[in-house]
């Protein structure tokens, strides 16, 4: 999984939601393909790569470059899944911060109802 920002928070969210051992997490700086090539070469069991760039034009271009690099340079034959955060123009940090804020508000509402 490539992450432009908020890699640790994204990993924490997956740990809270499920089994993080089912996934390999790799944070990259833009589209430097060398770490990804190394990771894929040493982990041939990987069947899918999720791209988690920002949900803006630059992020979409970055996801396309990463897709092309995976296919062309890494020769990756598995599934490549672009996962843009649901907030248009935002990134996963924005999304996770919004989720945290909603959770706090819900907890506060529940506490006040007692």
PDB file of N, CA and C in Angstrom:
ATOM      1  N   UNK A   1       0.855  -1.161   0.000  1.00  0.00           N
ATOM      2  CA  UNK A   1       0.000   0.000   0.000  1.00  0.00           C
ATOM      3  C   UNK A   1       0.900   1.222   0.000  1.00  0.00           C
ATOM      4  N   UNK A   2       0.691   2.126  -0.913  1.00  0.00           N
ATOM      5  CA  UNK A   2       1.460   3.358  -0.904  1.00  0.00           C
ATOM      6  C   UNK A   2       0.641   4.437  -0.222  1.00  0.00           C
ATOM      7  N   UNK A   3       1.292   5.225   0.571  1.00  0.00           N
ATOM      8  CA  UNK A   3       0.621   6.280   1.318  1.00  0.00           C
ATOM      9  C   UNK A   3       1.406   7.560   1.158  1.00  0.00           C
ATOM     10  N   UNK A   4       0.750   8.612   0.731  1.00  0.00           N
ATOM     11  CA  UNK A   4       1.442   9.891   0.633  1.00  0.00           C
ATOM     12  C   UNK A   4       1.536  10.550   1.996  1.00  0.00           C
ATOM     13  N   UNK A   5       0.492  10.480   2.763  1.00  0.00           N
ATOM     14  CA  UNK A   5       0.455  11.143   4.064  1.00  0.00           C
ATOM     15  C   UNK A   5      -0.287  10.261   5.051  1.00  0.00           C
ATOM     16  N   UNK A   6      -0.053  10.507   6.296  1.00  0.00           N
ATOM     17  CA  UNK A   6      -0.816   9.886   7.389  1.00  0.00           C
ATOM     18  C   UNK A   6      -0.714   8.368   7.400  1.00  0.00           C
ATOM     19  N   UNK A   7       0.441   7.842   7.039  1.00  0.00           N
ATOM     20  CA  UNK A   7       0.620   6.396   7.009  1.00  0.00           C
ATOM     21  C   UNK A   7       0.374   5.741   8.344  1.00  0.00           C
ATOM     22  N   UNK A   8       0.908   6.303   9.396  1.00  0.00           N
ATOM     23  CA  UNK A   8       0.722   5.715  10.717  1.00  0.00           C
ATOM     24  C   UNK A   8      -0.733   5.744  11.142  1.00  0.00           C
ATOM     25  N   UNK A   9      -1.419   6.821  10.848  1.00  0.00           N
ATOM     26  CA  UNK A   9      -2.837   6.912  11.224  1.00  0.00           C
ATOM     27  C   UNK A   9      -3.670   5.932  10.413  1.00  0.00           C
ATOM     28  N   UNK A  10      -3.326   5.775   9.136  1.00  0.00           N
ATOM     29  CA  UNK A  10      -4.059   4.832   8.300  1.00  0.00           C
ATOM     30  C   UNK A  10      -3.862   3.410   8.829  1.00  0.00           C
ATOM     31  N   UNK A  11      -2.627   3.070   9.186  1.00  0.00           N
ATOM     32  CA  UNK A  11      -2.341   1.759   9.746  1.00  0.00           C
ATOM     33  C   UNK A  11      -3.103   1.561  11.049  1.00  0.00           C
ATOM     34  N   UNK A  12      -3.137   2.576  11.887  1.00  0.00           N
ATOM     35  CA  UNK A  12      -3.872   2.482  13.152  1.00  0.00           C
ATOM     36  C   UNK A  12      -5.356   2.242  12.905  1.00  0.00           C
ATOM     37  N   UNK A  13      -5.896   2.878  11.887  1.00  0.00           N
ATOM     38  CA  UNK A  13      -7.312   2.682  11.566  1.00  0.00           C
ATOM     39  C   UNK A  13      -7.564   1.242  11.141  1.00  0.00           C
ATOM     40  N   UNK A  14      -6.678   0.678  10.336  1.00  0.00           N
ATOM     41  CA  UNK A  14      -6.844  -0.713   9.922  1.00  0.00           C
ATOM     42  C   UNK A  14      -6.652  -1.667  11.091  1.00  0.00           C
ATOM     43  N   UNK A  15      -5.748  -1.346  11.996  1.00  0.00           N
ATOM     44  CA  UNK A  15      -5.569  -2.191  13.179  1.00  0.00           C
ATOM     45  C   UNK A  15      -6.837  -2.208  14.011  1.00  0.00           C
ATOM     46  N   UNK A  16      -7.468  -1.066  14.129  1.00  0.00           N
ATOM     47  CA  UNK A  16      -8.692  -0.975  14.925  1.00  0.00           C
ATOM     48  C   UNK A  16      -9.850  -1.693  14.243  1.00  0.00           C
ATOM     49  N   UNK A  17      -9.858  -1.702  12.917  1.00  0.00           N
ATOM     50  CA  UNK A  17     -10.994  -2.236  12.174  1.00  0.00           C
ATOM     51  C   UNK A  17     -10.859  -3.714  11.829  1.00  0.00           C
ATOM     52  N   UNK A  18      -9.676  -4.244  11.825  1.00  0.00           N
ATOM     53  CA  UNK A  18      -9.524  -5.626  11.379  1.00  0.00           C
ATOM     54  C   UNK A  18      -8.163  -6.188  11.719  1.00  0.00           C
ATOM     55  N   UNK A  19      -7.701  -7.078  10.880  1.00  0.00           N
ATOM     56  CA  UNK A  19      -6.453  -7.784  11.104  1.00  0.00           C
ATOM     57  C   UNK A  19      -5.346  -7.177  10.245  1.00  0.00           C
ATOM     58  N   UNK A  20      -4.454  -6.354  10.823  1.00  0.00           N
ATOM     59  CA  UNK A  20      -3.421  -5.698  10.019  1.00  0.00           C
ATOM     60  C   UNK A  20      -2.368  -6.666   9.499  1.00  0.00           C
ATOM     61  N   UNK A  21      -2.296  -7.882  10.049  1.00  0.00           N
ATOM     62  CA  UNK A  21      -1.309  -8.835   9.568  1.00  0.00           C
ATOM     63  C   UNK A  21      -1.643  -9.333   8.163  1.00  0.00           C
ATOM     64  N   UNK A  22      -2.850  -9.080   7.694  1.00  0.00           N
ATOM     65  CA  UNK A  22      -3.229  -9.495   6.350  1.00  0.00           C
ATOM     66  C   UNK A  22      -2.705  -8.527   5.300  1.00  0.00           C
ATOM     67  N   UNK A  23      -2.094  -7.448   5.720  1.00  0.00           N
ATOM     68  CA  UNK A  23      -1.678  -6.401   4.803  1.00  0.00           C
ATOM     69  C   UNK A  23      -0.203  -6.081   4.992  1.00  0.00           C
ATOM     70  N   UNK A  24       0.409  -5.603   3.931  1.00  0.00           N
ATOM     71  CA  UNK A  24       1.756  -5.040   4.013  1.00  0.00           C
ATOM     72  C   UNK A  24       1.612  -3.551   3.758  1.00  0.00           C
ATOM     73  N   UNK A  25       2.211  -2.729   4.602  1.00  0.00           N
ATOM     74  CA  UNK A  25       2.104  -1.279   4.470  1.00  0.00           C
ATOM     75  C   UNK A  25       3.458  -0.717   4.083  1.00  0.00           C
ATOM     76  N   UNK A  26       3.470   0.138   3.090  1.00  0.00           N
ATOM     77  CA  UNK A  26       4.711   0.727   2.618  1.00  0.00           C
ATOM     78  C   UNK A  26       4.444   2.181   2.277  1.00  0.00           C
ATOM     79  N   UNK A  27       5.069   3.079   3.003  1.00  0.00           N
ATOM     80  CA  UNK A  27       4.914   4.514   2.738  1.00  0.00           C
ATOM     81  C   UNK A  27       6.024   4.946   1.787  1.00  0.00           C
ATOM     82  N   UNK A  28       5.638   5.609   0.712  1.00  0.00           N
ATOM     83  CA  UNK A  28       6.588   6.046  -0.303  1.00  0.00           C
ATOM     84  C   UNK A  28       6.580   7.552  -0.435  1.00  0.00           C
ATOM     85  N   UNK A  29       7.684   8.078  -0.859  1.00  0.00           N
ATOM     86  CA  UNK A  29       7.789   9.506  -1.155  1.00  0.00           C
ATOM     87  C   UNK A  29       7.505   9.687  -2.634  1.00  0.00           C
ATOM     88  N   UNK A  30       6.303  10.148  -2.939  1.00  0.00           N
ATOM     89  CA  UNK A  30       5.852  10.352  -4.320  1.00  0.00           C
ATOM     90  C   UNK A  30       5.907   9.017  -5.053  1.00  0.00           C
ATOM     91  N   UNK A  31       6.615   8.945  -6.127  1.00  0.00           N
ATOM     92  CA  UNK A  31       6.618   7.711  -6.928  1.00  0.00           C
ATOM     93  C   UNK A  31       8.006   7.106  -7.053  1.00  0.00           C
ATOM     94  N   UNK A  32       8.794   7.119  -6.003  1.00  0.00           N
ATOM     95  CA  UNK A  32      10.073   6.427  -6.017  1.00  0.00           C
ATOM     96  C   UNK A  32       9.770   4.937  -5.982  1.00  0.00           C
ATOM     97  N   UNK A  33       9.986   4.273  -7.082  1.00  0.00           N
ATOM     98  CA  UNK A  33       9.557   2.891  -7.233  1.00  0.00           C
ATOM     99  C   UNK A  33      10.528   1.883  -6.604  1.00  0.00           C
ATOM    100  N   UNK A  34      11.751   2.277  -6.276  1.00  0.00           N
ATOM    101  CA  UNK A  34      12.751   1.332  -5.768  1.00  0.00           C
ATOM    102  C   UNK A  34      12.288   0.581  -4.513  1.00  0.00           C
ATOM    103  N   UNK A  35      11.752   1.255  -3.477  1.00  0.00           N
ATOM    104  CA  UNK A  35      11.296   0.494  -2.305  1.00  0.00           C
ATOM    105  C   UNK A  35      10.159  -0.474  -2.645  1.00  0.00           C
ATOM    106  N   UNK A  36       9.293  -0.067  -3.538  1.00  0.00           N
ATOM    107  CA  UNK A  36       8.185  -0.931  -3.926  1.00  0.00           C
ATOM    108  C   UNK A  36       8.697  -2.136  -4.717  1.00  0.00           C
ATOM    109  N   UNK A  37       9.639  -1.912  -5.623  1.00  0.00           N
ATOM    110  CA  UNK A  37      10.237  -3.026  -6.365  1.00  0.00           C
ATOM    111  C   UNK A  37      10.867  -4.028  -5.401  1.00  0.00           C
ATOM    112  N   UNK A  38      11.618  -3.524  -4.429  1.00  0.00           N
ATOM    113  CA  UNK A  38      12.269  -4.382  -3.446  1.00  0.00           C
ATOM    114  C   UNK A  38      11.226  -5.176  -2.659  1.00  0.00           C
ATOM    115  N   UNK A  39      10.204  -4.476  -2.177  1.00  0.00           N
ATOM    116  CA  UNK A  39       9.172  -5.109  -1.358  1.00  0.00           C
ATOM    117  C   UNK A  39       8.449  -6.207  -2.141  1.00  0.00           C
ATOM    118  N   UNK A  40       8.091  -5.921  -3.382  1.00  0.00           N
ATOM    119  CA  UNK A  40       7.392  -6.918  -4.190  1.00  0.00           C
ATOM    120  C   UNK A  40       8.301  -8.103  -4.519  1.00  0.00           C
ATOM    121  N   UNK A  41       9.573  -7.836  -4.794  1.00  0.00           N
ATOM    122  CA  UNK A  41      10.510  -8.919  -5.106  1.00  0.00           C
ATOM    123  C   UNK A  41      10.706  -9.850  -3.912  1.00  0.00           C
ATOM    124  N   UNK A  42      10.662  -9.301  -2.699  1.00  0.00           N
ATOM    125  CA  UNK A  42      10.891 -10.102  -1.495  1.00  0.00           C
ATOM    126  C   UNK A  42       9.602 -10.618  -0.856  1.00  0.00           C
ATOM    127  N   UNK A  43       8.474 -10.289  -1.444  1.00  0.00           N
ATOM    128  CA  UNK A  43       7.172 -10.744  -0.934  1.00  0.00           C
ATOM    129  C   UNK A  43       6.300 -11.168  -2.109  1.00  0.00           C
ATOM    130  N   UNK A  44       6.656 -12.273  -2.773  1.00  0.00           N
ATOM    131  CA  UNK A  44       5.921 -12.676  -3.977  1.00  0.00           C
ATOM    132  C   UNK A  44       4.470 -13.081  -3.709  1.00  0.00           C
ATOM    133  N   UNK A  45       4.113 -13.254  -2.443  1.00  0.00           N
ATOM    134  CA  UNK A  45       2.736 -13.620  -2.112  1.00  0.00           C
ATOM    135  C   UNK A  45       1.766 -12.449  -2.284  1.00  0.00           C
ATOM    136  N   UNK A  46       2.287 -11.239  -2.455  1.00  0.00           N
ATOM    137  CA  UNK A  46       1.416 -10.065  -2.597  1.00  0.00           C
ATOM    138  C   UNK A  46       0.646 -10.163  -3.907  1.00  0.00           C
ATOM    139  N   UNK A  47      -0.667 -10.088  -3.798  1.00  0.00           N
ATOM    140  CA  UNK A  47      -1.543 -10.213  -4.962  1.00  0.00           C
ATOM    141  C   UNK A  47      -2.244  -8.916  -5.323  1.00  0.00           C
ATOM    142  N   UNK A  48      -2.201  -7.935  -4.416  1.00  0.00           N
ATOM    143  CA  UNK A  48      -2.888  -6.663  -4.677  1.00  0.00           C
ATOM    144  C   UNK A  48      -2.118  -5.527  -4.017  1.00  0.00           C
ATOM    145  N   UNK A  49      -2.122  -4.387  -4.676  1.00  0.00           N
ATOM    146  CA  UNK A  49      -1.515  -3.168  -4.140  1.00  0.00           C
ATOM    147  C   UNK A  49      -2.583  -2.085  -4.159  1.00  0.00           C
ATOM    148  N   UNK A  50      -2.802  -1.449  -3.020  1.00  0.00           N
ATOM    149  CA  UNK A  50      -3.744  -0.336  -2.927  1.00  0.00           C
ATOM    150  C   UNK A  50      -2.948   0.967  -2.936  1.00  0.00           C
ATOM    151  N   UNK A  51      -3.357   1.888  -3.767  1.00  0.00           N
ATOM    152  CA  UNK A  51      -2.709   3.191  -3.870  1.00  0.00           C
ATOM    153  C   UNK A  51      -3.568   4.205  -3.130  1.00  0.00           C
ATOM    154  N   UNK A  52      -3.011   4.870  -2.143  1.00  0.00           N
ATOM    155  CA  UNK A  52      -3.783   5.774  -1.284  1.00  0.00           C
ATOM    156  C   UNK A  52      -3.276   7.206  -1.395  1.00  0.00           C
ATOM    157  N   UNK A  53      -3.307   7.737  -2.581  1.00  0.00           N
ATOM    158  CA  UNK A  53      -2.896   9.120  -2.775  1.00  0.00           C
ATOM    159  C   UNK A  53      -4.024  10.069  -2.382  1.00  0.00           C
ATOM    160  N   UNK A  54      -3.713  11.367  -2.412  1.00  0.00           N
ATOM    161  CA  UNK A  54      -4.708  12.392  -2.096  1.00  0.00           C
ATOM    162  C   UNK A  54      -5.803  12.416  -3.156  1.00  0.00           C
ATOM    163  N   UNK A  55      -6.990  12.880  -2.756  1.00  0.00           N
ATOM    164  CA  UNK A  55      -8.123  12.975  -3.675  1.00  0.00           C
ATOM    165  C   UNK A  55      -8.167  14.370  -4.299  1.00  0.00           C
ATOM    166  N   UNK A  56      -7.106  14.707  -5.012  1.00  0.00           N
ATOM    167  CA  UNK A  56      -7.054  15.949  -5.783  1.00  0.00           C
ATOM    168  C   UNK A  56      -6.369  15.619  -7.107  1.00  0.00           C
ATOM    169  N   UNK A  57      -6.226  16.608  -7.976  1.00  0.00           N
ATOM    170  CA  UNK A  57      -5.649  16.338  -9.296  1.00  0.00           C
ATOM    171  C   UNK A  57      -4.228  15.793  -9.190  1.00  0.00           C
ATOM    172  N   UNK A  58      -3.414  16.364  -8.314  1.00  0.00           N
ATOM    173  CA  UNK A  58      -2.042  15.879  -8.150  1.00  0.00           C
ATOM    174  C   UNK A  58      -2.029  14.438  -7.645  1.00  0.00           C
ATOM    175  N   UNK A  59      -2.908  14.126  -6.712  1.00  0.00           N
ATOM    176  CA  UNK A  59      -2.993  12.767  -6.193  1.00  0.00           C
ATOM    177  C   UNK A  59      -3.432  11.778  -7.251  1.00  0.00           C
ATOM    178  N   UNK A  60      -4.376  12.188  -8.088  1.00  0.00           N
ATOM    179  CA  UNK A  60      -4.839  11.314  -9.169  1.00  0.00           C
ATOM    180  C   UNK A  60      -3.726  11.078 -10.189  1.00  0.00           C
ATOM    181  N   UNK A  61      -2.955  12.120 -10.505  1.00  0.00           N
ATOM    182  CA  UNK A  61      -1.813  11.944 -11.420  1.00  0.00           C
ATOM    183  C   UNK A  61      -0.769  11.030 -10.789  1.00  0.00           C
ATOM    184  N   UNK A  62      -0.534  11.203  -9.492  1.00  0.00           N
ATOM    185  CA  UNK A  62       0.423  10.362  -8.779  1.00  0.00           C
ATOM    186  C   UNK A  62      -0.023   8.899  -8.790  1.00  0.00           C
ATOM    187  N   UNK A  63      -1.311   8.660  -8.586  1.00  0.00           N
ATOM    188  CA  UNK A  63      -1.833   7.293  -8.618  1.00  0.00           C
ATOM    189  C   UNK A  63      -1.636   6.676 -10.000  1.00  0.00           C
ATOM    190  N   UNK A  64      -1.861   7.457 -11.048  1.00  0.00           N
ATOM    191  CA  UNK A  64      -1.663   6.942 -12.403  1.00  0.00           C
ATOM    192  C   UNK A  64      -0.187   6.620 -12.650  1.00  0.00           C
ATOM    193  N   UNK A  65       0.710   7.495 -12.189  1.00  0.00           N
ATOM    194  CA  UNK A  65       2.149   7.227 -12.334  1.00  0.00           C
ATOM    195  C   UNK A  65       2.540   5.960 -11.571  1.00  0.00           C
ATOM    196  N   UNK A  66       2.018   5.821 -10.352  1.00  0.00           N
ATOM    197  CA  UNK A  66       2.327   4.633  -9.552  1.00  0.00           C
ATOM    198  C   UNK A  66       1.805   3.373 -10.244  1.00  0.00           C
ATOM    199  N   UNK A  67       0.599   3.454 -10.797  1.00  0.00           N
ATOM    200  CA  UNK A  67       0.025   2.325 -11.533  1.00  0.00           C
ATOM    201  C   UNK A  67       0.937   1.940 -12.693  1.00  0.00           C
ATOM    202  N   UNK A  68       1.341   2.938 -13.472  1.00  0.00           N
ATOM    203  CA  UNK A  68       2.215   2.689 -14.627  1.00  0.00           C
ATOM    204  C   UNK A  68       3.552   2.100 -14.189  1.00  0.00           C
ATOM    205  N   UNK A  69       4.122   2.623 -13.108  1.00  0.00           N
ATOM    206  CA  UNK A  69       5.393   2.103 -12.605  1.00  0.00           C
ATOM    207  C   UNK A  69       5.261   0.654 -12.138  1.00  0.00           C
ATOM    208  N   UNK A  70       4.157   0.351 -11.458  1.00  0.00           N
ATOM    209  CA  UNK A  70       3.937  -1.021 -11.007  1.00  0.00           C
ATOM    210  C   UNK A  70       3.877  -1.983 -12.184  1.00  0.00           C
ATOM    211  N   UNK A  71       3.145  -1.607 -13.211  1.00  0.00           N
ATOM    212  CA  UNK A  71       3.002  -2.475 -14.386  1.00  0.00           C
ATOM    213  C   UNK A  71       4.286  -2.525 -15.218  1.00  0.00           C
ATOM    214  N   UNK A  72       4.870  -1.365 -15.495  1.00  0.00           N
ATOM    215  CA  UNK A  72       5.992  -1.294 -16.432  1.00  0.00           C
ATOM    216  C   UNK A  72       7.335  -1.636 -15.796  1.00  0.00           C
ATOM    217  N   UNK A  73       7.677  -0.998 -14.690  1.00  0.00           N
ATOM    218  CA  UNK A  73       9.000  -1.203 -14.085  1.00  0.00           C
ATOM    219  C   UNK A  73       9.025  -2.383 -13.117  1.00  0.00           C
ATOM    220  N   UNK A  74       7.986  -2.515 -12.309  1.00  0.00           N
ATOM    221  CA  UNK A  74       7.957  -3.605 -11.332  1.00  0.00           C
ATOM    222  C   UNK A  74       7.452  -4.910 -11.942  1.00  0.00           C
ATOM    223  N   UNK A  75       6.803  -4.817 -13.086  1.00  0.00           N
ATOM    224  CA  UNK A  75       6.225  -5.997 -13.752  1.00  0.00           C
ATOM    225  C   UNK A  75       5.225  -6.710 -12.841  1.00  0.00           C
ATOM    226  N   UNK A  76       4.522  -5.917 -12.021  1.00  0.00           N
ATOM    227  CA  UNK A  76       3.537  -6.469 -11.091  1.00  0.00           C
ATOM    228  C   UNK A  76       2.304  -6.908 -11.869  1.00  0.00           C
ATOM    229  N   UNK A  77       1.905  -8.159 -11.687  1.00  0.00           N
ATOM    230  CA  UNK A  77       0.767  -8.718 -12.420  1.00  0.00           C
ATOM    231  C   UNK A  77      -0.499  -8.816 -11.568  1.00  0.00           C
ATOM    232  N   UNK A  78      -0.395  -8.436 -10.306  1.00  0.00           N
ATOM    233  CA  UNK A  78      -1.548  -8.521  -9.419  1.00  0.00           C
ATOM    234  C   UNK A  78      -2.512  -7.362  -9.616  1.00  0.00           C
ATOM    235  N   UNK A  79      -3.465  -7.273  -8.717  1.00  0.00           N
ATOM    236  CA  UNK A  79      -4.485  -6.228  -8.766  1.00  0.00           C
ATOM    237  C   UNK A  79      -3.921  -4.925  -8.207  1.00  0.00           C
ATOM    238  N   UNK A  80      -4.200  -3.822  -8.894  1.00  0.00           N
ATOM    239  CA  UNK A  80      -3.808  -2.491  -8.425  1.00  0.00           C
ATOM    240  C   UNK A  80      -5.090  -1.708  -8.190  1.00  0.00           C
ATOM    241  N   UNK A  81      -5.291  -1.277  -6.949  1.00  0.00           N
ATOM    242  CA  UNK A  81      -6.542  -0.628  -6.563  1.00  0.00           C
ATOM    243  C   UNK A  81      -6.267   0.792  -6.089  1.00  0.00           C
ATOM    244  N   UNK A  82      -6.745   1.804  -6.825  1.00  0.00           N
ATOM    245  CA  UNK A  82      -6.623   3.173  -6.313  1.00  0.00           C
ATOM    246  C   UNK A  82      -7.703   3.419  -5.259  1.00  0.00           C
ATOM    247  N   UNK A  83      -7.296   3.847  -4.078  1.00  0.00           N
ATOM    248  CA  UNK A  83      -8.229   4.132  -2.982  1.00  0.00           C
ATOM    249  C   UNK A  83      -8.106   5.599  -2.607  1.00  0.00           C
ATOM    250  N   UNK A  84      -8.884   6.435  -3.250  1.00  0.00           N
ATOM    251  CA  UNK A  84      -8.865   7.856  -2.924  1.00  0.00           C
ATOM    252  C   UNK A  84      -9.718   8.090  -1.689  1.00  0.00           C
ATOM    253  N   UNK A  85      -9.287   8.968  -0.800  1.00  0.00           N
ATOM    254  CA  UNK A  85     -10.114   9.261   0.371  1.00  0.00           C
ATOM    255  C   UNK A  85     -11.454   9.850  -0.067  1.00  0.00           C
ATOM    256  N   UNK A  86     -12.508   9.621   0.711  1.00  0.00           N
ATOM    257  CA  UNK A  86     -13.841  10.063   0.306  1.00  0.00           C
ATOM    258  C   UNK A  86     -14.046  11.574   0.323  1.00  0.00           C
ATOM    259  N   UNK A  87     -13.114  12.318   0.870  1.00  0.00           N
ATOM    260  CA  UNK A  87     -13.249  13.778   0.909  1.00  0.00           C
ATOM    261  C   UNK A  87     -12.614  14.351  -0.355  1.00  0.00           C
ATOM    262  N   UNK A  88     -13.424  14.910  -1.289  1.00  0.00           N
ATOM    263  CA  UNK A  88     -12.846  15.487  -2.510  1.00  0.00           C
ATOM    264  C   UNK A  88     -11.822  16.568  -2.165  1.00  0.00           C
ATOM    265  N   UNK A  89     -10.657  16.470  -2.790  1.00  0.00           N
ATOM    266  CA  UNK A  89      -9.603  17.440  -2.537  1.00  0.00           C
ATOM    267  C   UNK A  89      -8.816  17.170  -1.273  1.00  0.00           C
ATOM    268  N   UNK A  90      -9.198  16.147  -0.526  1.00  0.00           N
ATOM    269  CA  UNK A  90      -8.555  15.879   0.753  1.00  0.00           C
ATOM    270  C   UNK A  90      -7.592  14.714   0.695  1.00  0.00           C
ATOM    271  N   UNK A  91      -7.037  14.419   1.846  1.00  0.00           N
ATOM    272  CA  UNK A  91      -6.142  13.276   1.964  1.00  0.00           C
ATOM    273  C   UNK A  91      -6.628  12.402   3.117  1.00  0.00           C
ATOM    274  N   UNK A  92      -5.941  11.289   3.342  1.00  0.00           N
ATOM    275  CA  UNK A  92      -6.379  10.380   4.397  1.00  0.00           C
ATOM    276  C   UNK A  92      -6.276  11.002   5.780  1.00  0.00           C
ATOM    277  N   UNK A  93      -5.362  11.918   5.977  1.00  0.00           N
ATOM    278  CA  UNK A  93      -5.286  12.598   7.262  1.00  0.00           C
ATOM    279  C   UNK A  93      -6.563  13.406   7.498  1.00  0.00           C
ATOM    280  N   UNK A  94      -7.041  14.130   6.480  1.00  0.00           N
ATOM    281  CA  UNK A  94      -8.303  14.872   6.603  1.00  0.00           C
ATOM    282  C   UNK A  94      -9.445  13.925   6.967  1.00  0.00           C
ATOM    283  N   UNK A  95      -9.517  12.813   6.265  1.00  0.00           N
ATOM    284  CA  UNK A  95     -10.580  11.835   6.476  1.00  0.00           C
ATOM    285  C   UNK A  95     -10.526  11.258   7.892  1.00  0.00           C
ATOM    286  N   UNK A  96      -9.339  10.851   8.323  1.00  0.00           N
ATOM    287  CA  UNK A  96      -9.211  10.275   9.656  1.00  0.00           C
ATOM    288  C   UNK A  96      -9.472  11.300  10.749  1.00  0.00           C
ATOM    289  N   UNK A  97      -9.025  12.533  10.550  1.00  0.00           N
ATOM    290  CA  UNK A  97      -9.299  13.583  11.531  1.00  0.00           C
ATOM    291  C   UNK A  97     -10.804  13.825  11.639  1.00  0.00           C
ATOM    292  N   UNK A  98     -11.514  13.801  10.513  1.00  0.00           N
ATOM    293  CA  UNK A  98     -12.972  13.978  10.537  1.00  0.00           C
ATOM    294  C   UNK A  98     -13.639  12.820  11.284  1.00  0.00           C
ATOM    295  N   UNK A  99     -13.148  11.603  11.067  1.00  0.00           N
ATOM    296  CA  UNK A  99     -13.701  10.450  11.781  1.00  0.00           C
ATOM    297  C   UNK A  99     -13.454  10.565  13.285  1.00  0.00           C
ATOM    298  N   UNK A 100     -12.265  10.975  13.652  1.00  0.00           N
ATOM    299  CA  UNK A 100     -11.941  11.148  15.075  1.00  0.00           C
ATOM    300  C   UNK A 100     -12.848  12.200  15.696  1.00  0.00           C
ATOM    301  N   UNK A 101     -13.049  13.306  14.999  1.00  0.00           N
ATOM    302  CA  UNK A 101     -13.911  14.374  15.508  1.00  0.00           C
ATOM    303  C   UNK A 101     -15.343  13.874  15.683  1.00  0.00           C
ATOM    304  N   UNK A 102     -15.851  13.123  14.701  1.00  0.00           N
ATOM    305  CA  UNK A 102     -17.212  12.577  14.813  1.00  0.00           C
ATOM    306  C   UNK A 102     -17.315  11.624  16.000  1.00  0.00           C
ATOM    307  N   UNK A 103     -16.289  10.808  16.204  1.00  0.00           N
ATOM    308  CA  UNK A 103     -16.293   9.875  17.336  1.00  0.00           C
ATOM    309  C   UNK A 103     -16.309  10.620  18.663  1.00  0.00           C
ATOM    310  N   UNK A 104     -15.527  11.673  18.746  1.00  0.00           N
ATOM    311  CA  UNK A 104     -15.509  12.480  19.976  1.00  0.00           C
ATOM    312  C   UNK A 104     -16.865  13.123  20.224  1.00  0.00           C
ATOM    313  N   UNK A 105     -17.471  13.658  19.165  1.00  0.00           N
ATOM    314  CA  UNK A 105     -18.782  14.297  19.314  1.00  0.00           C
ATOM    315  C   UNK A 105     -19.830  13.286  19.747  1.00  0.00           C
ATOM    316  N   UNK A 106     -19.783  12.091  19.175  1.00  0.00           N
ATOM    317  CA  UNK A 106     -20.733  11.045  19.553  1.00  0.00           C
ATOM    318  C   UNK A 106     -20.533  10.638  21.010  1.00  0.00           C
ATOM    319  N   UNK A 107     -19.276  10.481  21.410  1.00  0.00           N
ATOM    320  CA  UNK A 107     -18.989  10.119  22.803  1.00  0.00           C
ATOM    321  C   UNK A 107     -19.472  11.201  23.758  1.00  0.00           C
ATOM    322  N   UNK A 108     -19.275  12.458  23.391  1.00  0.00           N
ATOM    323  CA  UNK A 108     -19.715  13.568  24.228  1.00  0.00           C
ATOM    324  C   UNK A 108     -21.236  13.591  24.331  1.00  0.00           C
ATOM    325  N   UNK A 109     -21.927  13.363  23.216  1.00  0.00           N
ATOM    326  CA  UNK A 109     -23.393  13.329  23.234  1.00  0.00           C
ATOM    327  C   UNK A 109     -23.895  12.204  24.125  1.00  0.00           C
ATOM    328  N   UNK A 110     -23.253  11.041  24.039  1.00  0.00           N
ATOM    329  CA  UNK A 110     -23.652   9.905  24.876  1.00  0.00           C
ATOM    330  C   UNK A 110     -23.413  10.213  26.351  1.00  0.00           C
ATOM    331  N   UNK A 111     -22.279  10.822  26.653  1.00  0.00           N
ATOM    332  CA  UNK A 111     -21.956  11.154  28.043  1.00  0.00           C
ATOM    333  C   UNK A 111     -22.938  12.173  28.603  1.00  0.00           C
ATOM    334  N   UNK A 112     -23.355  13.120  27.775  1.00  0.00           N
ATOM    335  CA  UNK A 112     -24.281  14.154  28.238  1.00  0.00           C
ATOM    336  C   UNK A 112     -25.687  13.609  28.431  1.00  0.00           C
ATOM    337  N   UNK A 113     -26.014  12.493  27.787  1.00  0.00           N
ATOM    338  CA  UNK A 113     -27.362  11.945  27.923  1.00  0.00           C
ATOM    339  C   UNK A 113     -27.543  11.169  29.223  1.00  0.00           C
ATOM    340  N   UNK A 114     -26.469  10.919  29.945  1.00  0.00           N
ATOM    341  CA  UNK A 114     -26.575  10.201  31.223  1.00  0.00           C
ATOM    342  C   UNK A 114     -26.924  11.127  32.325  1.00  0.00           C
TER     343      UNK A 114
END
